[in-house]
Protein backbone atom coordinates (compact mmCIF):
# COMPACT_ATOMS: atom_id res chain seq x y z
CA MET A 1 85.65 90.24 90.84
CA ASP A 2 83.67 87.05 90.31
CA PHE A 3 83.49 85.86 93.92
CA ASN A 4 82.01 87.05 97.19
CA ILE A 5 83.89 86.32 100.42
CA ILE A 6 81.52 86.88 103.35
CA ARG A 7 83.53 86.63 106.57
CA ALA A 8 86.08 84.85 108.73
CA ALA A 9 84.37 81.60 109.63
CA ARG A 10 86.49 78.90 111.25
CA ALA A 11 89.98 77.76 112.19
CA ILE A 12 91.59 74.37 112.71
CA LEU A 13 94.15 74.17 115.52
CA ASN A 14 96.33 71.17 116.20
CA VAL A 15 96.65 70.51 119.94
CA THR A 16 98.52 67.92 121.94
CA ASN A 17 95.95 66.99 124.59
CA LEU A 18 92.25 67.03 123.75
CA GLU A 19 91.08 66.73 127.35
CA GLU A 20 93.17 69.66 128.50
CA SER A 21 91.92 71.66 125.53
CA ARG A 22 88.31 70.72 126.30
CA ARG A 23 88.66 71.91 129.89
CA PHE A 24 90.02 75.23 128.70
CA TYR A 25 87.71 75.95 125.76
CA VAL A 26 84.47 74.37 126.99
CA ASN A 27 84.62 74.56 130.77
CA ALA A 28 86.47 77.86 131.14
CA LEU A 29 85.61 79.84 128.01
CA GLY A 30 82.11 78.46 127.49
CA PHE A 31 82.32 77.25 123.89
CA VAL A 32 79.56 74.88 122.81
CA GLU A 33 80.89 71.41 122.03
CA THR A 34 78.88 70.44 118.97
CA GLU A 35 80.50 67.07 118.47
CA SER A 36 83.70 65.20 119.27
CA ASP A 37 85.55 61.92 118.94
CA ASP A 38 88.91 60.56 120.08
CA GLU A 39 90.79 62.76 117.60
CA THR A 40 88.77 65.97 117.20
CA ILE A 41 86.55 68.45 119.05
CA TYR A 42 84.17 70.73 117.13
CA LEU A 43 83.28 73.97 118.90
CA ARG A 44 81.02 76.94 118.23
CA GLY A 45 79.86 80.12 119.92
CA LEU A 46 76.45 80.51 121.52
CA GLU A 47 74.96 82.61 118.71
CA GLU A 48 76.42 80.58 115.84
CA HIS A 49 74.06 78.51 113.72
CA ILE A 50 76.69 76.52 111.84
CA HIS A 51 78.22 73.28 113.12
CA HIS A 52 81.50 74.80 114.27
CA SER A 53 83.83 77.75 114.08
CA LEU A 54 86.80 76.15 115.84
CA VAL A 55 88.22 72.66 115.37
CA LEU A 56 90.74 71.16 117.79
CA LYS A 57 92.65 68.20 116.35
CA LYS A 58 94.89 65.89 118.30
CA SER A 59 98.49 66.09 117.13
CA ASP A 60 102.03 65.54 118.33
CA GLU A 61 102.86 69.24 117.97
CA PRO A 62 100.69 72.38 118.13
CA SER A 63 100.17 74.17 114.82
CA VAL A 64 97.53 75.79 112.62
CA GLU A 65 96.13 73.64 109.83
CA VAL A 66 94.04 76.34 108.17
CA ILE A 67 92.04 79.54 108.68
CA SER A 68 88.77 79.64 106.75
CA TYR A 69 86.46 82.16 105.10
CA LYS A 70 82.83 81.57 104.20
CA VAL A 71 81.79 82.53 100.69
CA TYR A 72 78.33 83.28 99.37
CA SER A 73 77.81 80.30 97.03
CA GLU A 74 79.33 77.21 95.49
CA ALA A 75 79.98 79.19 92.31
CA ASP A 76 82.27 81.47 94.30
CA LEU A 77 84.49 78.50 95.07
CA ASP A 78 84.91 77.73 91.38
CA SER A 79 85.67 81.39 90.68
CA LEU A 80 88.27 81.48 93.46
CA ASP A 81 89.88 78.33 92.08
CA ARG A 82 90.21 79.93 88.64
CA PHE A 83 91.46 83.17 90.13
CA PHE A 84 94.23 81.58 92.18
CA ASN A 85 95.30 79.27 89.37
CA GLU A 86 95.51 82.18 86.95
CA LYS A 87 97.72 83.98 89.47
CA GLY A 88 100.04 80.98 89.68
CA PHE A 89 98.89 79.62 93.06
CA LEU A 90 98.50 75.88 93.51
CA THR A 91 95.03 75.14 94.93
CA LYS A 92 93.72 72.04 96.66
CA TRP A 93 90.11 70.85 96.69
CA VAL A 94 88.78 69.09 99.79
CA GLU A 95 85.68 67.22 98.69
CA ALA A 96 82.35 67.36 100.51
CA GLY A 97 82.16 64.78 103.28
CA THR A 98 85.91 64.72 103.81
CA GLN A 99 85.61 67.22 106.64
CA LYS A 100 82.91 66.86 109.32
CA ALA A 101 79.76 68.87 108.55
CA LEU A 102 81.47 70.79 105.72
CA GLY A 103 80.70 70.92 102.03
CA ARG A 104 83.51 71.05 99.52
CA ALA A 105 86.27 73.49 100.32
CA LEU A 106 89.14 75.14 98.48
CA ARG A 107 92.53 75.52 100.13
CA VAL A 108 95.55 77.53 99.07
CA GLN A 109 98.69 79.09 100.53
CA ASP A 110 98.07 82.83 100.24
CA ILE A 111 100.47 85.55 99.11
CA SER A 112 102.20 85.51 102.51
CA GLY A 113 102.29 81.73 102.89
CA LEU A 114 99.31 81.47 105.22
CA PRO A 115 97.09 78.38 104.82
CA ILE A 116 93.62 79.67 103.93
CA GLU A 117 90.39 77.89 103.04
CA PHE A 118 87.10 78.90 101.45
CA PHE A 119 83.78 77.09 101.85
CA ALA A 120 80.15 77.84 101.05
CA THR A 121 78.13 75.35 103.07
CA MET A 122 78.25 73.77 106.51
CA ASP A 123 75.64 71.77 108.41
CA THR A 124 73.47 73.96 110.59
CA VAL A 125 72.64 73.41 114.26
CA ASP A 126 70.45 75.03 116.91
CA ARG A 127 71.52 78.52 117.85
CA TYR A 128 71.92 78.95 121.62
CA LEU A 129 71.78 82.75 121.72
CA GLN A 130 68.80 82.77 124.10
CA ARG A 131 69.65 79.56 125.93
CA TYR A 132 70.90 81.58 128.87
CA ASP A 133 70.69 78.50 131.04
CA LEU A 134 73.64 77.12 129.06
CA TYR A 135 75.88 80.19 129.37
CA ARG A 136 79.12 79.69 131.29
CA GLY A 137 82.68 80.93 131.38
CA ALA A 138 83.37 83.68 128.85
CA LYS A 139 80.03 83.01 127.12
CA VAL A 140 81.73 83.16 123.70
CA GLN A 141 79.23 84.30 121.06
CA ARG A 142 80.95 83.93 117.68
CA ILE A 143 84.23 83.96 115.78
CA ASP A 144 85.24 87.45 114.72
CA HIS A 145 88.67 87.65 113.09
CA PHE A 146 92.16 86.33 112.49
CA ASN A 147 95.35 88.23 113.18
CA CYS A 148 98.46 87.14 111.29
CA ALA A 149 102.15 87.97 111.43
CA VAL A 150 103.60 88.25 107.93
CA ARG A 151 106.94 89.22 106.47
CA ASP A 152 105.59 91.99 104.23
CA VAL A 153 102.37 93.71 105.31
CA GLU A 154 102.08 95.92 102.24
CA LYS A 155 102.26 92.88 99.98
CA ALA A 156 99.47 91.17 101.94
CA TYR A 157 97.46 94.41 102.12
CA ASN A 158 97.61 94.99 98.36
CA PHE A 159 96.65 91.42 97.54
CA TYR A 160 93.66 91.27 99.88
CA ILE A 161 92.43 94.75 98.91
CA ASP A 162 93.05 94.69 95.16
CA GLU A 163 92.55 91.01 94.39
CA LEU A 164 90.23 89.53 97.05
CA GLY A 165 87.92 92.50 97.61
CA PHE A 166 88.65 93.28 101.25
CA SER A 167 88.37 96.82 102.62
CA CYS A 168 90.61 98.57 105.14
CA SER A 169 89.22 99.95 108.39
CA GLU A 170 92.41 101.02 110.17
CA TYR A 171 96.13 100.95 109.47
CA THR A 172 99.46 101.93 110.97
CA THR A 173 102.24 103.71 109.09
CA ALA A 174 105.82 104.70 109.80
CA ASP A 175 107.50 108.01 108.89
CA ASP A 176 108.04 106.80 105.33
CA GLU A 177 104.29 106.02 105.01
CA LYS A 178 105.01 102.31 104.69
CA ILE A 179 102.12 100.23 106.03
CA TRP A 180 103.22 98.35 109.12
CA ALA A 181 99.89 96.85 110.12
CA ALA A 182 96.41 96.78 108.56
CA TRP A 183 92.92 95.73 109.63
CA LEU A 184 90.85 94.41 106.71
CA HIS A 185 87.24 93.35 106.54
CA ARG A 186 84.53 91.75 104.44
CA LYS A 187 81.76 91.79 107.02
CA PRO A 188 80.77 95.31 108.18
CA THR A 189 82.96 95.47 111.29
CA VAL A 190 86.58 96.47 111.87
CA HIS A 191 88.20 93.29 110.59
CA ASP A 192 88.04 89.73 109.44
CA VAL A 193 91.82 89.59 109.19
CA ALA A 194 94.67 91.79 110.37
CA PHE A 195 98.25 91.70 109.13
CA MET A 196 101.19 92.76 111.26
CA ASN A 197 104.91 92.94 110.51
CA GLY A 198 106.62 90.07 112.24
CA VAL A 199 108.35 86.74 111.84
CA GLY A 200 105.95 84.88 109.60
CA PRO A 201 103.82 83.55 108.22
CA ARG A 202 102.28 82.70 111.58
CA LEU A 203 98.86 83.03 113.19
CA HIS A 204 99.07 85.55 116.01
CA HIS A 205 95.56 85.01 117.34
CA ILE A 206 91.93 84.20 116.66
CA GLY A 207 89.45 86.75 117.92
CA PHE A 208 86.08 85.70 119.37
CA TRP A 209 83.24 88.11 120.07
CA LEU A 210 81.70 88.53 123.51
CA SER A 211 78.37 90.23 124.15
CA ASP A 212 79.66 92.99 126.47
CA PRO A 213 82.78 94.24 128.32
CA MET A 214 81.63 92.75 131.62
CA SER A 215 81.86 89.32 130.02
CA VAL A 216 85.58 89.98 129.62
CA ILE A 217 85.91 90.89 133.31
CA HIS A 218 83.84 87.88 134.31
CA THR A 219 86.11 85.66 132.22
CA CYS A 220 89.13 86.79 134.22
CA ASP A 221 87.37 85.78 137.45
CA VAL A 222 86.37 82.40 136.01
CA LEU A 223 89.86 81.71 134.69
CA ALA A 224 91.46 82.60 138.01
CA SER A 225 89.03 80.46 139.98
CA LEU A 226 89.72 77.47 137.70
CA GLY A 227 93.48 77.84 137.98
CA TYR A 228 94.03 79.46 134.60
CA GLY A 229 95.30 82.81 135.87
CA ALA A 230 98.67 82.23 134.22
CA ASN A 231 96.92 81.81 130.85
CA ILE A 232 95.93 85.50 130.88
CA GLU A 233 98.62 87.11 128.74
CA ARG A 234 97.41 90.68 128.23
CA GLY A 235 94.50 92.79 129.36
CA PRO A 236 91.75 93.47 130.07
CA GLY A 237 92.14 96.73 128.20
CA ARG A 238 90.93 98.82 125.30
CA HIS A 239 92.70 99.11 121.97
CA GLY A 240 93.11 102.50 120.36
CA LEU A 241 93.01 100.71 117.04
CA SER A 242 89.50 99.26 116.63
CA ASN A 243 88.28 100.70 119.98
CA ALA A 244 87.78 97.12 121.12
CA PHE A 245 87.75 95.95 124.72
CA PHE A 246 90.11 92.98 124.79
CA LEU A 247 91.63 90.10 126.70
CA TYR A 248 94.40 87.89 125.31
CA LEU A 249 94.73 84.31 126.52
CA ARG A 250 97.06 81.42 125.78
CA ASP A 251 95.50 77.97 125.54
CA PRO A 252 97.26 74.88 126.96
CA ASP A 253 99.34 74.57 123.77
CA GLY A 254 100.21 78.25 123.53
CA HIS A 255 97.72 79.19 120.81
CA ARG A 256 96.56 82.75 121.42
CA ILE A 257 92.87 83.63 121.72
CA GLU A 258 91.51 87.16 121.92
CA LEU A 259 88.17 87.80 123.59
CA TYR A 260 86.81 90.90 121.94
CA ASN A 261 83.99 93.41 122.21
CA GLY A 262 83.22 97.01 121.32
CA ASP A 263 84.37 97.74 117.78
CA TYR A 264 82.20 99.61 115.27
CA LEU A 265 80.30 99.54 111.97
CA THR A 266 82.24 99.93 108.72
CA SER A 267 79.52 99.32 106.12
CA ASP A 268 79.03 102.84 104.77
CA PRO A 269 80.49 103.22 101.26
CA ASP A 270 82.07 106.56 102.20
CA PHE A 271 83.79 105.15 105.32
CA LYS A 272 87.40 106.37 105.48
CA PRO A 273 90.09 104.14 107.00
CA VAL A 274 91.59 105.39 110.24
CA LYS A 275 95.32 106.08 110.04
CA TRP A 276 97.59 105.65 113.06
CA ASP A 277 101.21 106.67 113.43
CA LEU A 278 103.54 103.91 114.54
CA ASP A 279 104.87 106.09 117.36
CA ASP A 280 101.44 106.89 118.80
CA PRO A 281 101.30 104.97 122.11
CA MET A 282 97.49 105.04 122.21
CA ARG A 283 97.13 102.89 119.11
CA GLN A 284 98.33 99.78 120.96
CA THR A 285 96.46 100.24 124.21
CA PHE A 286 94.19 103.24 124.59
CA TRP A 287 94.85 103.36 128.33
CA GLY A 288 98.61 103.34 127.88
CA HIS A 289 99.81 100.08 129.46
CA ALA A 290 102.33 98.11 127.42
CA ALA A 291 101.98 94.57 126.11
CA PRO A 292 104.41 91.89 127.35
CA ASP A 293 107.31 90.87 125.12
CA CYS A 294 105.78 87.45 124.46
CA TRP A 295 102.79 89.12 122.80
CA PHE A 296 105.16 90.61 120.21
CA ASN A 297 107.46 87.64 119.73
CA GLU A 298 105.33 84.50 119.97
CA ALA A 299 102.73 83.15 117.54
CA SER A 300 101.46 79.82 116.19
CA ASN A 301 103.24 78.07 113.34
CA VAL A 302 101.17 77.23 110.27
CA LEU A 303 101.10 74.21 107.96
CA ASP A 304 101.40 73.85 104.21
CA VAL A 305 98.00 72.89 102.77
CA HIS A 306 99.61 70.50 100.28
CA THR A 307 102.29 68.76 102.34
CA GLY A 308 101.00 69.14 105.89
CA LYS A 309 104.49 70.26 106.92
CA LEU A 310 105.37 73.39 108.86
CA VAL A 311 105.78 76.48 106.70
CA THR A 312 109.22 78.04 106.98
CA THR A 313 109.16 81.47 108.62
CA SER A 314 111.42 84.45 108.02
CA ASP A 315 112.02 87.88 109.51
CA PRO A 316 109.86 90.81 108.43
CA LEU A 317 110.88 93.17 105.66
CA LEU A 318 111.89 96.27 107.59
CA GLU A 319 113.40 99.36 106.02
CA LYS A 320 114.23 100.97 109.34
CA LYS A 321 114.61 99.92 112.95
CA LYS A 322 111.10 99.67 114.47
CA PRO A 323 109.14 97.28 116.69
CA THR A 324 108.03 94.30 114.64
CA ILE A 325 104.46 93.56 115.72
CA ILE A 326 102.07 96.39 116.45
CA ILE A 327 98.39 96.44 117.26
């Protein structure tokens, strides 16, 4: 292929109250506020050298404007534009300077209807990795991945593997060998994006990397002391899939954030994807405790990149009676 997608890089969330969101993301979780105005807050993790990895935009209703991937060069954007147009997708260019700190970007609704974006350049800022005096809350280090509920996982899997150059680290199958969930990556870790069978297209969560498991435990203490105990949805725990130590949170608008640590390297060319059976209880939570129903049934609605309207969702394609969202 003629393009090189590097990694999951940023997301834009629409929120209803910027001050409430700032208290949650900056004061409680410890994101760095790079810049803000009356309509938008730009956030990054402590080790990130680019202007932002999370944008919070004031809106009447919560939704997801776009999830973004960084590509290697400007030429990759042109190649991606040709690729999607040849496949019959309608692309949209966002010119440099239109978005804060960002060069030109290409947007498109992907094979599942998710709003995705590609960019090559963003303004750089000071990295705070060793500014330990500034660490607080969860001490979020960097963005790690997106997890999306889609109607047809195999369709998404085939497109991202065969057409976009992603690789699979782990996947879940049913008795008929149909893929029910898949973890795909470009950077050499477990995933940049995961797809799960569910009502979609919707964004299930954004994963952010923490430096160690104790940071996850410390986050729970901070959240409780600040009155955010009810925002802890699931965890702490360890996934069987990915081996990651996790904590799932809901922000003031219901967007789900995963704090994440402890996955593994996937860069070797002879790496073999790990297969999990849908009925294996350890795949979901290695320690055995179940997720709450809301974790399976609730996710963030996404917008159409061309109209700005909510994308219509539909039930997953299921050939037999099974749970709909599995991790």
